[in-house]
Amino acid sequence: MAMGAADLVPGVSGGTIAFITGIYEELLSTIGGLGLETVKSLFQRGPVATWHDFNLGFLGALGAGILVSVAAFAGLLHHLLLDHPVLLWAFFFGLVAASVPLMLREVKRSQVGPAGVALFLLGGGLAWWLTGLPPLVQGDAPLFLFFSGAVAICAMILPGISGSFILVLLGAYSAVIGAIKGMDFIRVGAFGAGVMTGLIGFSKGLGWVFRRHRTLAILLLSGFLIGSLRKLWPWKENVSALFTHSDGRVEFLQANILPGEHANPQIAGACLCAVFGALLVTGLGRLGRMGQTTSTRG
């Protein structure tokens, strides 16, 4: 459910939640294990054996939680983004900032060499650059939506990079939302096919990286988290209108500003929300460690 709520907001990644709760590598290995063998097993061994052999119960529980969260919180988060953006961005700023030390606790100082430092800085610089780019020209061609889905889902499972923000950046966010609302099955199907293709392929590659170079991967992803804070800075100003979404919302090119330059800075409230976000993610991290400990003992 926490992953679903995070993915609803452009700028926050569900992959961050997956990592700090200790399910990230299982998520990668489970998704990466899906493919033609899964289909063969379904016909040869039956649904029950396939369900257990490919850890589909894990994906089922995770998917159900994400769907419930999207259904329950989409309206609330939409309201907060429109009416209380400073407080909402402050909450997620605190959440993501507190996630960095939780990720880095997985790395021993003796394991950090020049390559690790370089990847950490590369991840931070890349995320900082990406989150400062203006959205591209919109498109709604099925082939374009296919590739947009493949790229966005890759970002969605990377801590620090938001899939919904990548859709905005690519200029596909409005087209996807419009296709879903309008029940345009061709475009929704093209987007969904891209999501499945990107998810399985990218999970296999990222899973291989984690198995072979776990420390370097964590340092790179930690850099992504720090760089993504640029997008989550609570105080922003609208620079220019870019386009209008299908629901009437106007997408603006925004720039970060100091609290004193904002019309309604809400500094005290923002600080409280940031602290609450940090405490929440710390609590999720402890729950994840408790779950891993219980699983190990079992």
Protein backbone atom coordinates (compact mmCIF):
# COMPACT_ATOMS: atom_id res chain seq x y z
CA MET A 1 0.00 0.00 0.00
CA ALA A 2 2.88 2.35 0.76
CA MET A 3 4.36 1.64 -2.68
CA GLY A 4 1.05 2.46 -4.34
CA ALA A 5 0.70 5.75 -2.48
CA ALA A 6 4.28 6.71 -3.38
CA ASP A 7 3.83 5.94 -7.08
CA LEU A 8 0.77 8.21 -7.28
CA VAL A 9 2.92 11.31 -6.79
CA PRO A 10 5.24 12.44 -9.64
CA GLY A 11 8.63 12.58 -7.93
CA VAL A 12 8.34 9.66 -5.49
CA SER A 13 9.24 6.07 -6.36
CA GLY A 14 7.60 2.93 -5.03
CA GLY A 15 11.02 1.31 -5.42
CA THR A 16 12.23 3.42 -2.50
CA ILE A 17 9.56 1.90 -0.25
CA ALA A 18 10.34 -1.60 -1.53
CA PHE A 19 14.01 -1.20 -0.67
CA ILE A 20 13.68 0.16 2.84
CA THR A 21 11.09 -2.49 3.76
CA GLY A 22 13.45 -5.26 2.69
CA ILE A 23 11.47 -6.68 -0.26
CA TYR A 24 13.35 -5.00 -3.11
CA GLU A 25 15.64 -7.86 -4.12
CA GLU A 26 12.84 -10.42 -3.80
CA LEU A 27 10.73 -8.18 -6.04
CA LEU A 28 13.47 -8.04 -8.67
CA SER A 29 14.16 -11.78 -8.59
CA THR A 30 10.47 -12.70 -8.69
CA ILE A 31 9.63 -10.43 -11.63
CA GLY A 32 12.87 -11.37 -13.38
CA GLY A 33 11.95 -15.05 -13.05
CA LEU A 34 8.77 -14.63 -15.10
CA GLY A 35 8.73 -15.47 -18.79
CA LEU A 36 8.04 -18.32 -21.19
CA GLU A 37 8.93 -20.86 -18.50
CA THR A 38 6.06 -19.52 -16.41
CA VAL A 39 3.61 -20.11 -19.25
CA LYS A 40 5.00 -23.62 -19.86
CA SER A 41 4.74 -24.46 -16.19
CA LEU A 42 1.14 -23.26 -16.13
CA PHE A 43 0.15 -25.78 -18.81
CA GLN A 44 2.47 -28.61 -17.78
CA ARG A 45 2.32 -28.51 -13.97
CA GLY A 46 -0.87 -26.58 -13.34
CA PRO A 47 -1.74 -23.25 -11.68
CA VAL A 48 -1.08 -24.34 -8.08
CA ALA A 49 2.47 -25.56 -8.74
CA THR A 50 3.21 -22.50 -10.90
CA TRP A 51 1.88 -20.21 -8.17
CA HIS A 52 4.35 -21.65 -5.65
CA ASP A 53 7.33 -22.19 -7.97
CA PHE A 54 7.36 -18.62 -9.30
CA ASN A 55 6.52 -16.89 -6.00
CA LEU A 56 3.29 -15.49 -7.42
CA GLY A 57 1.74 -15.23 -3.95
CA PHE A 58 4.29 -12.50 -3.18
CA LEU A 59 3.39 -10.57 -6.34
CA GLY A 60 -0.31 -11.10 -5.68
CA ALA A 61 -0.15 -9.66 -2.18
CA LEU A 62 2.03 -6.75 -3.34
CA GLY A 63 -0.17 -6.00 -6.34
CA ALA A 64 -3.34 -6.12 -4.23
CA GLY A 65 -1.85 -3.65 -1.74
CA ILE A 66 -0.82 -1.28 -4.53
CA LEU A 67 -4.27 -1.41 -6.16
CA VAL A 68 -6.06 -0.84 -2.84
CA SER A 69 -3.80 2.11 -2.10
CA VAL A 70 -4.32 3.67 -5.53
CA ALA A 71 -8.09 3.32 -5.19
CA ALA A 72 -8.13 4.65 -1.61
CA PHE A 73 -5.64 7.52 -1.83
CA ALA A 74 -5.73 8.79 -5.43
CA GLY A 75 -8.47 11.33 -4.67
CA LEU A 76 -6.83 12.46 -1.43
CA LEU A 77 -3.39 12.92 -2.98
CA HIS A 78 -4.91 14.76 -5.94
CA HIS A 79 -6.63 17.14 -3.48
CA LEU A 80 -3.43 17.67 -1.48
CA LEU A 81 -1.37 18.35 -4.62
CA LEU A 82 -3.85 21.04 -5.65
CA ASP A 83 -4.67 22.65 -2.29
CA HIS A 84 -1.71 21.86 0.02
CA PRO A 85 1.30 21.30 -2.24
CA VAL A 86 3.90 22.67 0.19
CA LEU A 87 2.86 20.31 3.00
CA LEU A 88 2.63 17.29 0.70
CA TRP A 89 5.99 17.90 -0.96
CA ALA A 90 7.55 18.47 2.49
CA PHE A 91 6.20 15.12 3.68
CA PHE A 92 7.74 13.28 0.74
CA PHE A 93 10.96 15.31 1.01
CA GLY A 94 11.38 14.08 4.59
CA LEU A 95 10.45 10.54 3.59
CA VAL A 96 13.00 10.32 0.77
CA ALA A 97 15.75 12.16 2.67
CA ALA A 98 15.43 9.72 5.58
CA SER A 99 15.57 6.81 3.11
CA VAL A 100 19.18 7.59 2.14
CA PRO A 101 20.81 6.52 5.44
CA LEU A 102 18.51 3.49 5.52
CA MET A 103 19.91 2.40 2.16
CA LEU A 104 23.51 3.24 3.01
CA ARG A 105 23.39 1.11 6.18
CA GLU A 106 23.58 -1.86 3.80
CA VAL A 107 27.08 -0.76 2.76
CA LYS A 108 30.21 -1.25 4.84
CA ARG A 109 32.79 1.53 4.73
CA SER A 110 35.50 -0.94 3.79
CA GLN A 111 33.54 -1.82 0.65
CA VAL A 112 33.36 1.74 -0.65
CA GLY A 113 36.14 2.43 -3.14
CA PRO A 114 36.69 5.05 -5.87
CA ALA A 115 34.24 3.25 -8.17
CA GLY A 116 31.56 3.32 -5.49
CA VAL A 117 32.04 7.04 -4.82
CA ALA A 118 31.94 7.75 -8.56
CA LEU A 119 28.67 5.82 -8.98
CA PHE A 120 27.15 7.56 -5.96
CA LEU A 121 27.97 10.96 -7.48
CA LEU A 122 26.83 9.81 -10.92
CA GLY A 123 23.47 8.69 -9.56
CA GLY A 124 22.98 11.96 -7.73
CA GLY A 125 23.95 14.07 -10.71
CA LEU A 126 21.80 12.08 -13.13
CA ALA A 127 18.69 12.29 -10.93
CA TRP A 128 19.30 16.00 -10.28
CA TRP A 129 19.53 16.63 -14.03
CA LEU A 130 16.50 14.50 -14.94
CA THR A 131 14.23 16.11 -12.34
CA GLY A 132 15.09 19.55 -13.69
CA LEU A 133 14.13 18.82 -17.29
CA PRO A 134 10.90 20.33 -18.69
CA PRO A 135 8.28 17.89 -20.03
CA LEU A 136 8.54 17.12 -23.72
CA VAL A 137 5.90 17.65 -26.37
CA GLN A 138 2.90 15.38 -25.77
CA GLY A 139 2.16 12.34 -27.93
CA ASP A 140 -0.49 9.64 -27.94
CA ALA A 141 0.54 7.25 -30.73
CA PRO A 142 0.31 3.60 -29.57
CA LEU A 143 3.98 2.92 -30.38
CA PHE A 144 5.02 6.01 -28.42
CA LEU A 145 2.91 4.88 -25.45
CA PHE A 146 4.47 1.39 -25.65
CA PHE A 147 8.00 2.78 -25.27
CA SER A 148 6.84 5.31 -22.66
CA GLY A 149 5.40 2.46 -20.58
CA ALA A 150 8.63 0.47 -20.86
CA VAL A 151 10.76 3.43 -19.74
CA ALA A 152 8.38 4.56 -16.98
CA ILE A 153 8.11 1.15 -15.34
CA CYS A 154 11.91 0.89 -15.26
CA ALA A 155 11.99 4.19 -13.39
CA MET A 156 9.17 3.08 -11.09
CA ILE A 157 11.20 0.22 -9.63
CA LEU A 158 14.33 2.35 -9.24
CA PRO A 159 14.53 4.04 -5.82
CA GLY A 160 14.56 7.78 -6.29
CA ILE A 161 13.13 7.92 -9.81
CA SER A 162 9.37 8.23 -10.16
CA GLY A 163 7.61 6.43 -13.00
CA SER A 164 4.78 8.96 -13.06
CA PHE A 165 7.31 11.80 -13.25
CA ILE A 166 9.01 10.08 -16.21
CA LEU A 167 5.62 9.91 -17.95
CA VAL A 168 5.23 13.66 -17.38
CA LEU A 169 8.77 14.21 -18.64
CA LEU A 170 8.17 12.15 -21.78
CA GLY A 171 4.91 13.96 -22.45
CA ALA A 172 2.86 10.78 -22.11
CA TYR A 173 1.20 11.33 -18.71
CA SER A 174 -1.82 13.18 -20.06
CA ALA A 175 -2.25 10.71 -22.94
CA VAL A 176 -2.17 7.70 -20.59
CA ILE A 177 -4.65 9.22 -18.14
CA GLY A 178 -6.92 10.23 -21.02
CA ALA A 179 -6.76 6.75 -22.57
CA ILE A 180 -7.67 5.11 -19.26
CA LYS A 181 -10.57 7.49 -18.63
CA GLY A 182 -11.81 7.17 -22.20
CA MET A 183 -11.48 3.36 -22.23
CA ASP A 184 -9.23 3.54 -25.29
CA PHE A 185 -8.24 -0.14 -25.28
CA ILE A 186 -5.73 0.19 -28.11
CA ARG A 187 -3.65 2.84 -26.36
CA VAL A 188 -4.12 1.32 -22.91
CA GLY A 189 -3.09 -2.06 -24.32
CA ALA A 190 0.00 -0.58 -26.00
CA PHE A 191 0.99 1.13 -22.77
CA GLY A 192 0.37 -2.05 -20.74
CA ALA A 193 2.42 -4.14 -23.17
CA GLY A 194 5.30 -1.70 -22.81
CA VAL A 195 5.01 -1.85 -19.02
CA MET A 196 5.20 -5.66 -18.98
CA THR A 197 8.09 -5.75 -21.46
CA GLY A 198 10.12 -3.15 -19.58
CA LEU A 199 9.32 -4.61 -16.17
CA ILE A 200 10.44 -8.16 -16.93
CA GLY A 201 13.48 -7.17 -18.97
CA PHE A 202 14.72 -4.47 -16.61
CA SER A 203 14.14 -6.60 -13.51
CA LYS A 204 16.30 -9.36 -14.97
CA GLY A 205 19.12 -6.92 -15.66
CA LEU A 206 18.89 -5.10 -12.34
CA GLY A 207 18.62 -8.40 -10.47
CA TRP A 208 21.84 -9.56 -12.14
CA VAL A 209 23.58 -6.33 -11.09
CA PHE A 210 22.46 -6.80 -7.48
CA ARG A 211 23.73 -10.37 -7.41
CA ARG A 212 27.13 -9.47 -8.88
CA HIS A 213 27.73 -5.90 -7.65
CA ARG A 214 25.36 -5.30 -4.75
CA THR A 215 27.40 -2.58 -3.01
CA LEU A 216 27.91 -0.57 -6.19
CA ALA A 217 24.21 -0.86 -7.05
CA ILE A 218 23.17 0.43 -3.62
CA LEU A 219 25.56 3.38 -3.88
CA LEU A 220 24.21 4.29 -7.33
CA LEU A 221 20.60 4.07 -6.15
CA SER A 222 21.40 6.10 -3.03
CA GLY A 223 22.74 8.80 -5.31
CA PHE A 224 19.47 8.67 -7.25
CA LEU A 225 17.59 9.33 -4.01
CA ILE A 226 19.66 12.39 -3.11
CA GLY A 227 19.37 13.82 -6.62
CA SER A 228 15.60 13.30 -6.64
CA LEU A 229 15.24 15.71 -3.69
CA ARG A 230 15.38 18.52 -6.26
CA LYS A 231 11.94 17.48 -7.50
CA LEU A 232 10.57 17.16 -3.94
CA TRP A 233 11.65 20.57 -2.64
CA PRO A 234 8.43 21.95 -1.10
CA TRP A 235 8.66 25.58 -2.23
CA LYS A 236 8.20 26.15 -5.95
CA GLU A 237 6.95 28.83 -8.30
CA ASN A 238 5.27 28.42 -11.67
CA VAL A 239 7.49 29.72 -14.46
CA SER A 240 5.35 29.05 -17.52
CA ALA A 241 2.36 26.92 -18.60
CA LEU A 242 3.32 23.83 -20.59
CA PHE A 243 0.06 22.03 -21.40
CA THR A 244 -3.37 21.17 -20.02
CA HIS A 245 -4.24 17.65 -18.84
CA SER A 246 -7.43 15.89 -19.93
CA ASP A 247 -9.01 16.68 -16.54
CA GLY A 248 -8.37 20.42 -16.94
CA ARG A 249 -5.25 20.67 -14.80
CA VAL A 250 -2.51 22.90 -16.19
CA GLU A 251 1.03 21.51 -16.16
CA PHE A 252 3.57 24.24 -15.34
CA LEU A 253 7.30 24.45 -15.68
CA GLN A 254 8.37 25.07 -12.08
CA ALA A 255 11.47 26.34 -10.35
CA ASN A 256 12.54 25.83 -6.73
CA ILE A 257 12.61 28.93 -4.54
CA LEU A 258 13.44 29.79 -0.93
CA PRO A 259 10.62 29.60 1.65
CA GLY A 260 10.66 33.36 2.12
CA GLU A 261 9.95 33.89 -1.57
CA HIS A 262 6.81 31.73 -1.48
CA ALA A 263 3.40 33.37 -1.11
CA ASN A 264 2.36 30.90 1.62
CA PRO A 265 5.54 29.26 2.96
CA GLN A 266 3.91 27.32 5.87
CA ILE A 267 7.38 26.71 7.28
CA ALA A 268 6.28 25.22 10.60
CA GLY A 269 3.74 22.92 8.96
CA ALA A 270 6.25 21.89 6.30
CA CYS A 271 8.85 20.99 8.93
CA LEU A 272 6.32 18.91 10.84
CA CYS A 273 5.28 17.09 7.67
CA ALA A 274 8.91 16.42 6.75
CA VAL A 275 9.59 15.01 10.23
CA PHE A 276 6.47 12.85 9.98
CA GLY A 277 7.64 11.52 6.60
CA ALA A 278 11.06 10.72 8.05
CA LEU A 279 9.54 8.94 11.04
CA LEU A 280 7.19 6.98 8.80
CA VAL A 281 9.94 5.70 6.54
CA THR A 282 12.10 4.85 9.56
CA GLY A 283 9.22 2.86 11.01
CA LEU A 284 8.73 1.04 7.70
CA GLY A 285 12.43 0.22 7.70
CA ARG A 286 12.19 -1.29 11.17
CA LEU A 287 9.14 -3.32 10.17
CA GLY A 288 11.09 -4.58 7.16
CA ARG A 289 14.01 -5.67 9.35
CA MET A 290 11.63 -7.39 11.78
CA GLY A 291 10.01 -9.21 8.87
CA GLN A 292 13.38 -10.36 7.55
CA THR A 293 14.42 -11.55 11.01
CA THR A 294 11.18 -13.49 11.45
CA SER A 295 11.53 -15.02 8.00
CA THR A 296 15.13 -16.06 8.73
CA ARG A 297 14.18 -17.67 12.02
CA GLY A 298 11.27 -19.48 10.39
